Amino acid sequence: MRDLAGALLRIQPVARGVERRGDAGQRDLADWLLQLKGAVAEPPSRELKRLVGRIDRIHDVSERLVDAAAEEEAGEAGRGVRSPNRVTGSVLTERKVFGREKECGEVISRLVDCPENACSSALPVVAIVGHGGMGKTTVAQFVYNDERIEQKFDIKAWVCVWDRSDAAELTREILQSIGGPDDTLYGDNSAKLDILQAKLEVLVRSKRFLLVLDDVWNDEAKMELENKDLWRKVLAPLRSAGRGSKILVTTRMKLVARYLNSTHVVSLDVLGSSDCWLLLKEAALGGESKDIPPDLQEIGRTIAAKAKGSPLVSKALGQMLRNTRIISTYLDTFSDALHTAAYFQGAVGFNEINW
């Protein structure tokens, strides 16, 4: 069992590296976990040495993933790196939000509580700013689906901007999100910008409209003036919207919040360790309600502290524990998974684990 523990510990660093690669890293991590699932699913009493060998071969793959993550992290530090093929939507992907209740409340207040006579003719922009993995999209989704938002706005639209930098394409995305009886026009890539914008202007006229622009980036191939001009064109038809209309933006870049003339910025910082534990537990249990003994809670909190306040890492660690539950024939509860962590602590020393 000590050899097995050692082999498992050698693959732990991959989670920290792969999570930085965004959606691409998550797909690689999923493939990697499937390999691990196949290896650990064999009971330890059956050819343990062969099992350790399989885990070590998986570790070789994990090292390549970490190397790729390190290269991307070096690039992101200087200029920001977009996850390939990123797509988000307004539908809630999490059962509840952990550690972001204050920020959610602040955003909702800024969107809802502005008195009608205090709202200018230009649409106020609220920006959620934070590093990758801080939960910007999750906060925006909870805000978008909040009952107070539903009651306040006549029309809502959600657009994942990501790498889109064409005014006609962005306008088409807004129209598609709003929908309507004439939406065959929106799928026509040949439709000109002025036609699309005229349609958008009519749809939102005198309506209280909320537009969410998720994952907005600065197009570094363009001058700042060009980026500003892009958004000036895209948002021009919204001047016809009713008073009280708002725009909510999520971005990693304060620069984006500035050139969109954000009237208020909500910054997402790291989570506290107790919130990381709650998020890890939620991911590990898959929403199930189970009592966890105090001693095992302490182990779980120690693991959660390794997330360094990152919601994405906390969730990844919880999912790894959940996979430990699922893939082992004798680890069928979360408590058993934490008992295994406790075994590793006793066998090789918990502080030796390089998370």
Protein backbone atom coordinates (compact mmCIF):
# COMPACT_ATOMS: atom_id res chain seq x y z
CA MET A 1 0.00 0.00 0.00
CA ARG A 2 2.91 2.38 0.60
CA ASP A 3 3.98 1.94 -3.03
CA LEU A 4 0.41 2.68 -4.14
CA ALA A 5 0.30 5.78 -1.97
CA GLY A 6 3.57 6.99 -3.43
CA ALA A 7 2.37 6.44 -6.99
CA LEU A 8 -0.84 8.33 -6.31
CA LEU A 9 1.02 11.20 -4.70
CA ARG A 10 3.24 11.58 -7.76
CA ILE A 11 0.24 12.54 -9.90
CA GLN A 12 -1.22 15.15 -7.51
CA PRO A 13 0.54 18.23 -9.03
CA VAL A 14 -1.37 17.86 -12.30
CA ALA A 15 -4.58 19.36 -10.92
CA ARG A 16 -2.89 22.61 -10.03
CA GLY A 17 -1.30 22.93 -13.46
CA VAL A 18 -4.14 21.73 -15.67
CA GLU A 19 -6.82 23.92 -14.06
CA ARG A 20 -4.99 27.01 -15.35
CA ARG A 21 -5.60 25.92 -18.93
CA GLY A 22 -9.34 26.64 -18.82
CA ASP A 23 -11.72 24.54 -20.91
CA ALA A 24 -8.92 22.86 -22.86
CA GLY A 25 -7.25 21.82 -19.62
CA GLN A 26 -10.53 20.50 -18.25
CA ARG A 27 -10.95 18.23 -21.29
CA ASP A 28 -7.40 16.92 -20.85
CA LEU A 29 -8.05 16.44 -17.14
CA ALA A 30 -11.24 14.49 -17.89
CA ASP A 31 -9.33 12.13 -20.20
CA TRP A 32 -6.62 11.78 -17.62
CA LEU A 33 -9.12 10.95 -14.86
CA LEU A 34 -10.68 8.26 -17.04
CA GLN A 35 -7.26 6.60 -17.25
CA LEU A 36 -6.90 6.90 -13.50
CA LYS A 37 -10.38 5.48 -13.04
CA GLY A 38 -9.45 2.36 -14.99
CA ALA A 39 -6.29 1.90 -12.98
CA VAL A 40 -7.65 2.38 -9.45
CA ALA A 41 -10.90 0.48 -10.06
CA GLU A 42 -8.98 -2.78 -9.65
CA PRO A 43 -9.13 -3.91 -6.00
CA PRO A 44 -5.76 -3.50 -4.26
CA SER A 45 -5.63 -7.20 -3.55
CA ARG A 46 -5.35 -7.93 -7.28
CA GLU A 47 -1.89 -7.47 -8.78
CA LEU A 48 -0.98 -4.35 -6.82
CA LYS A 49 2.37 -3.95 -8.54
CA ARG A 50 0.71 -3.83 -11.95
CA LEU A 51 -1.69 -1.22 -10.61
CA VAL A 52 1.18 0.95 -9.41
CA GLY A 53 2.80 0.59 -12.82
CA ARG A 54 -0.36 1.77 -14.57
CA ILE A 55 -0.60 4.80 -12.30
CA ASP A 56 3.04 5.65 -13.00
CA ARG A 57 2.36 5.53 -16.75
CA ILE A 58 -0.58 7.90 -16.21
CA HIS A 59 1.82 10.12 -14.29
CA ASP A 60 4.01 10.36 -17.39
CA VAL A 61 0.99 11.76 -19.26
CA SER A 62 0.23 14.13 -16.39
CA GLU A 63 3.74 15.59 -16.55
CA ARG A 64 3.17 16.59 -20.18
CA LEU A 65 -0.09 18.29 -19.20
CA VAL A 66 1.66 20.23 -16.44
CA ASP A 67 4.42 21.30 -18.85
CA ALA A 68 1.80 22.64 -21.27
CA ALA A 69 0.03 24.43 -18.43
CA ALA A 70 3.29 26.04 -17.34
CA GLU A 71 3.94 27.36 -20.84
CA GLU A 72 0.44 28.84 -21.08
CA GLU A 73 0.71 30.33 -17.59
CA ALA A 74 3.92 32.13 -18.59
CA GLY A 75 2.11 33.64 -21.56
CA GLU A 76 -0.97 34.57 -19.55
CA ALA A 77 1.10 36.48 -17.04
CA GLY A 78 2.15 38.89 -19.77
CA ARG A 79 -0.82 39.27 -22.10
CA GLY A 80 -3.76 37.05 -21.14
CA VAL A 81 -4.54 33.70 -22.78
CA ARG A 82 -8.00 32.76 -23.98
CA SER A 83 -9.31 29.26 -23.51
CA PRO A 84 -10.08 27.77 -26.96
CA ASN A 85 -13.71 27.27 -28.04
CA ARG A 86 -15.15 28.80 -24.88
CA VAL A 87 -18.95 28.93 -24.77
CA THR A 88 -21.06 30.08 -21.83
CA GLY A 89 -24.78 30.51 -21.38
CA SER A 90 -27.30 32.03 -18.99
CA VAL A 91 -28.48 28.67 -17.60
CA LEU A 92 -27.19 28.01 -14.09
CA THR A 93 -24.39 25.48 -14.08
CA GLU A 94 -23.99 25.41 -10.28
CA ARG A 95 -26.58 24.48 -7.67
CA LYS A 96 -25.56 27.35 -5.40
CA VAL A 97 -22.87 29.99 -5.12
CA PHE A 98 -20.25 29.83 -2.36
CA GLY A 99 -18.47 32.86 -0.96
CA ARG A 100 -19.87 35.26 -3.57
CA GLU A 101 -23.16 36.21 -1.91
CA LYS A 102 -21.93 39.74 -1.18
CA GLU A 103 -20.76 40.30 -4.76
CA CYS A 104 -24.00 38.88 -6.20
CA GLY A 105 -26.00 41.22 -3.98
CA GLU A 106 -23.86 44.19 -4.97
CA VAL A 107 -24.29 43.52 -8.68
CA ILE A 108 -28.06 43.00 -8.37
CA SER A 109 -28.38 46.21 -6.37
CA ARG A 110 -26.51 48.16 -9.04
CA LEU A 111 -28.73 46.72 -11.77
CA VAL A 112 -32.07 47.04 -9.99
CA ASP A 113 -31.99 49.87 -7.46
CA CYS A 114 -31.20 52.84 -9.73
CA PRO A 115 -34.19 55.24 -9.56
CA GLU A 116 -35.81 55.82 -12.93
CA ASN A 117 -35.14 59.56 -12.91
CA ALA A 118 -31.49 59.02 -11.94
CA CYS A 119 -30.67 56.72 -14.87
CA SER A 120 -29.07 58.58 -17.75
CA SER A 121 -29.97 58.04 -21.40
CA ALA A 122 -26.69 56.12 -21.87
CA LEU A 123 -26.93 52.55 -20.60
CA PRO A 124 -24.99 52.17 -17.32
CA VAL A 125 -22.39 49.37 -17.44
CA VAL A 126 -21.59 47.21 -14.41
CA ALA A 127 -18.38 45.18 -14.75
CA ILE A 128 -17.37 42.02 -12.87
CA VAL A 129 -13.56 41.82 -12.98
CA GLY A 130 -11.29 39.02 -11.78
CA HIS A 131 -8.61 36.54 -12.74
CA GLY A 132 -9.48 33.30 -14.53
CA GLY A 133 -11.24 30.76 -12.31
CA MET A 134 -12.56 33.34 -9.83
CA GLY A 135 -16.21 32.65 -10.72
CA LYS A 136 -17.16 35.67 -12.83
CA THR A 137 -19.47 33.72 -15.13
CA THR A 138 -21.06 31.89 -12.19
CA VAL A 139 -21.84 35.19 -10.44
CA ALA A 140 -23.29 36.59 -13.68
CA GLN A 141 -25.47 33.50 -14.12
CA PHE A 142 -26.88 33.76 -10.59
CA VAL A 143 -27.55 37.47 -11.10
CA TYR A 144 -29.18 36.88 -14.51
CA ASN A 145 -31.56 34.28 -13.06
CA ASP A 146 -32.38 36.13 -9.83
CA GLU A 147 -36.08 36.82 -9.28
CA ARG A 148 -35.45 40.55 -8.75
CA ILE A 149 -33.80 40.73 -12.17
CA GLU A 150 -36.66 38.79 -13.75
CA GLN A 151 -39.15 41.29 -12.31
CA LYS A 152 -37.14 44.39 -13.20
CA PHE A 153 -36.36 43.83 -16.89
CA ASP A 154 -38.73 43.32 -19.82
CA ILE A 155 -36.08 41.72 -22.07
CA LYS A 156 -32.79 40.00 -21.31
CA ALA A 157 -29.96 38.76 -23.51
CA TRP A 158 -26.78 36.81 -22.79
CA VAL A 159 -23.81 36.85 -25.18
CA CYS A 160 -20.53 34.99 -24.65
CA VAL A 161 -18.15 37.42 -26.38
CA TRP A 162 -14.85 35.55 -26.02
CA ASP A 163 -13.06 35.94 -29.40
CA ARG A 164 -15.84 37.72 -31.28
CA SER A 165 -14.66 41.10 -32.53
CA ASP A 166 -17.01 41.78 -35.43
CA ALA A 167 -19.86 44.24 -34.87
CA ALA A 168 -22.31 42.37 -37.13
CA GLU A 169 -21.58 39.03 -35.46
CA LEU A 170 -22.02 40.47 -31.97
CA THR A 171 -25.26 42.20 -32.97
CA ARG A 172 -26.51 38.92 -34.44
CA GLU A 173 -25.67 37.13 -31.17
CA ILE A 174 -27.68 39.68 -29.19
CA LEU A 175 -30.66 39.24 -31.51
CA GLN A 176 -30.46 35.45 -31.30
CA SER A 177 -30.43 35.60 -27.51
CA ILE A 178 -33.51 37.84 -27.46
CA GLY A 179 -35.30 35.66 -30.04
CA GLY A 180 -38.58 36.57 -31.69
CA PRO A 181 -40.86 35.76 -34.63
CA ASP A 182 -38.38 37.07 -37.20
CA ASP A 183 -35.29 35.25 -35.96
CA THR A 184 -34.52 33.51 -39.28
CA LEU A 185 -32.74 36.73 -40.20
CA TYR A 186 -30.33 36.34 -37.30
CA GLY A 187 -28.75 33.19 -38.68
CA ASP A 188 -28.01 34.81 -42.04
CA ASN A 189 -24.30 35.60 -42.01
CA SER A 190 -24.73 37.80 -45.06
CA ALA A 191 -27.09 40.19 -43.27
CA LYS A 192 -25.48 43.61 -43.09
CA LEU A 193 -24.77 45.43 -39.86
CA ASP A 194 -27.25 48.25 -40.51
CA ILE A 195 -30.10 45.75 -41.10
CA LEU A 196 -29.28 43.83 -37.91
CA GLN A 197 -28.97 46.98 -35.84
CA ALA A 198 -32.23 48.39 -37.14
CA LYS A 199 -33.96 45.19 -36.04
CA LEU A 200 -32.30 45.31 -32.61
CA GLU A 201 -33.28 48.95 -32.16
CA VAL A 202 -36.93 48.08 -32.81
CA LEU A 203 -36.91 45.06 -30.48
CA VAL A 204 -35.60 46.96 -27.44
CA ARG A 205 -37.38 50.28 -28.06
CA SER A 206 -38.93 51.59 -24.83
CA LYS A 207 -38.29 48.19 -23.18
CA ARG A 208 -36.25 47.85 -20.01
CA PHE A 209 -33.39 45.71 -21.33
CA LEU A 210 -30.55 43.82 -19.62
CA LEU A 211 -27.60 42.73 -21.75
CA VAL A 212 -24.93 40.44 -20.32
CA LEU A 213 -21.60 40.39 -22.17
CA ASP A 214 -19.68 37.46 -20.72
CA ASP A 215 -15.93 36.96 -21.05
CA VAL A 216 -15.00 40.17 -22.86
CA TRP A 217 -11.36 40.49 -23.96
CA ASN A 218 -9.25 43.27 -25.32
CA ASP A 219 -8.37 42.61 -28.96
CA GLU A 220 -4.63 43.23 -28.85
CA ALA A 221 -4.43 43.34 -32.65
CA LYS A 222 -6.36 46.61 -32.52
CA MET A 223 -5.64 50.02 -31.08
CA GLU A 224 -7.63 50.97 -27.97
CA LEU A 225 -9.55 53.50 -30.06
CA GLU A 226 -10.58 50.69 -32.45
CA ASN A 227 -11.78 48.53 -29.55
CA LYS A 228 -13.82 51.42 -28.20
CA ASP A 229 -15.27 52.07 -31.65
CA LEU A 230 -16.33 48.40 -31.96
CA TRP A 231 -18.40 48.61 -28.78
CA ARG A 232 -19.75 52.03 -29.70
CA LYS A 233 -21.19 50.47 -32.86
CA VAL A 234 -22.50 47.32 -31.16
CA LEU A 235 -24.25 49.20 -28.35
CA ALA A 236 -25.59 52.09 -30.46
CA PRO A 237 -29.06 50.51 -31.09
CA LEU A 238 -29.59 50.13 -27.34
CA ARG A 239 -30.07 53.87 -27.00
CA SER A 240 -33.70 53.22 -27.91
CA ALA A 241 -34.18 50.98 -24.85
CA GLY A 242 -36.28 52.19 -21.95
CA ARG A 243 -34.89 53.96 -18.91
CA GLY A 244 -33.49 51.55 -16.35
CA SER A 245 -31.85 49.35 -19.00
CA LYS A 246 -28.37 48.07 -18.04
CA ILE A 247 -25.34 46.20 -19.31
CA LEU A 248 -23.44 43.64 -17.23
CA VAL A 249 -19.92 42.72 -18.34
CA THR A 250 -17.53 40.03 -17.11
CA THR A 251 -13.84 40.32 -17.93
CA ARG A 252 -10.36 39.56 -16.66
CA MET A 253 -9.16 42.99 -17.73
CA LYS A 254 -9.73 46.32 -16.01
CA LEU A 255 -8.85 47.87 -19.38
CA VAL A 256 -12.03 46.39 -20.84
CA ALA A 257 -14.12 47.80 -18.00
CA ARG A 258 -12.58 51.20 -18.71
CA TYR A 259 -13.18 51.37 -22.45
CA LEU A 260 -16.75 50.18 -21.97
CA ASN A 261 -17.19 53.19 -19.64
CA SER A 262 -18.24 51.02 -16.69
CA THR A 263 -20.10 53.01 -14.07
CA HIS A 264 -19.35 50.44 -11.37
CA VAL A 265 -16.76 47.65 -11.04
CA VAL A 266 -17.16 44.61 -8.78
CA SER A 267 -13.83 42.84 -8.23
CA LEU A 268 -13.71 39.13 -7.42
CA ASP A 269 -10.85 38.23 -5.10
CA VAL A 270 -9.82 34.81 -3.75
CA LEU A 271 -12.27 32.87 -1.57
CA GLY A 272 -11.75 32.26 2.12
CA SER A 273 -10.65 28.77 3.13
CA SER A 274 -14.06 27.96 4.67
CA ASP A 275 -15.80 28.78 1.37
CA CYS A 276 -13.23 26.68 -0.51
CA TRP A 277 -14.13 23.78 1.78
CA LEU A 278 -17.86 24.22 1.12
CA LEU A 279 -17.26 24.32 -2.63
CA LEU A 280 -14.94 21.30 -2.50
CA LYS A 281 -17.51 19.36 -0.45
CA GLU A 282 -20.31 20.30 -2.86
CA ALA A 283 -18.28 19.06 -5.84
CA ALA A 284 -17.20 15.89 -4.03
CA LEU A 285 -20.70 14.94 -2.88
CA GLY A 286 -22.42 15.96 -6.10
CA GLY A 287 -25.09 17.87 -4.19
CA GLU A 288 -25.87 14.95 -1.85
CA SER A 289 -26.51 15.71 1.82
CA LYS A 290 -24.26 13.61 4.04
CA ASP A 291 -22.93 13.98 7.57
CA ILE A 292 -19.14 14.02 7.73
CA PRO A 293 -17.40 13.20 11.04
CA PRO A 294 -15.48 16.16 12.58
CA ASP A 295 -12.08 14.49 12.18
CA LEU A 296 -12.70 13.93 8.47
CA GLN A 297 -13.98 17.49 8.09
CA GLU A 298 -10.62 18.63 9.39
CA ILE A 299 -8.84 16.59 6.73
CA GLY A 300 -11.17 18.02 4.08
CA ARG A 301 -10.51 21.57 5.26
CA THR A 302 -6.77 20.93 5.08
CA ILE A 303 -7.15 19.75 1.48
CA ALA A 304 -9.35 22.78 0.67
CA ALA A 305 -6.67 25.12 2.03
CA LYS A 306 -4.38 23.89 -0.76
CA ALA A 307 -6.72 25.59 -3.28
CA LYS A 308 -5.23 28.98 -2.29
CA GLY A 309 -8.64 30.63 -2.54
CA SER A 310 -9.37 29.57 -6.13
CA PRO A 311 -12.98 28.43 -6.75
CA LEU A 312 -11.87 26.51 -9.84
CA VAL A 313 -9.15 24.60 -7.95
CA SER A 314 -11.54 23.89 -5.05
CA LYS A 315 -14.05 22.42 -7.47
CA ALA A 316 -11.34 20.39 -9.24
CA LEU A 317 -10.11 18.94 -5.93
CA GLY A 318 -13.68 18.05 -4.98
CA GLN A 319 -14.24 16.35 -8.32
CA MET A 320 -11.03 14.38 -7.85
CA LEU A 321 -12.30 13.17 -4.47
CA ARG A 322 -15.64 12.36 -6.06
CA ASN A 323 -13.86 10.32 -8.74
CA THR A 324 -12.02 8.57 -5.92
CA ARG A 325 -15.43 7.66 -4.51
CA ILE A 326 -16.74 6.42 -7.82
CA ILE A 327 -13.73 4.62 -9.21
CA SER A 328 -12.80 2.52 -6.21
CA THR A 329 -14.85 -0.57 -5.43
CA TYR A 330 -14.35 -0.05 -1.73
CA LEU A 331 -14.52 3.77 -1.49
CA ASP A 332 -18.27 4.27 -1.83
CA THR A 333 -18.69 7.30 0.44
CA PHE A 334 -17.01 10.67 0.74
CA SER A 335 -15.91 9.70 4.23
CA ASP A 336 -14.05 6.72 2.77
CA ALA A 337 -12.30 9.02 0.33
CA LEU A 338 -11.17 11.24 3.17
CA HIS A 339 -10.08 8.17 5.15
CA THR A 340 -7.80 7.38 2.20
CA ALA A 341 -6.38 10.90 2.44
CA ALA A 342 -5.85 10.28 6.15
CA TYR A 343 -4.05 7.01 5.32
CA PHE A 344 -1.72 8.87 2.99
CA GLN A 345 -1.09 11.37 5.75
CA GLY A 346 -0.06 8.58 8.09
CA ALA A 347 1.85 6.58 5.48
CA VAL A 348 4.02 9.27 3.92
CA GLY A 349 3.29 12.46 5.83
CA PHE A 350 0.59 14.86 4.64
CA ASN A 351 3.01 17.76 4.38
CA GLU A 352 5.06 15.85 1.83
CA ILE A 353 2.20 15.99 -0.66
CA ASN A 354 2.97 18.54 -3.39
CA TRP A 355 -0.52 19.77 -4.27
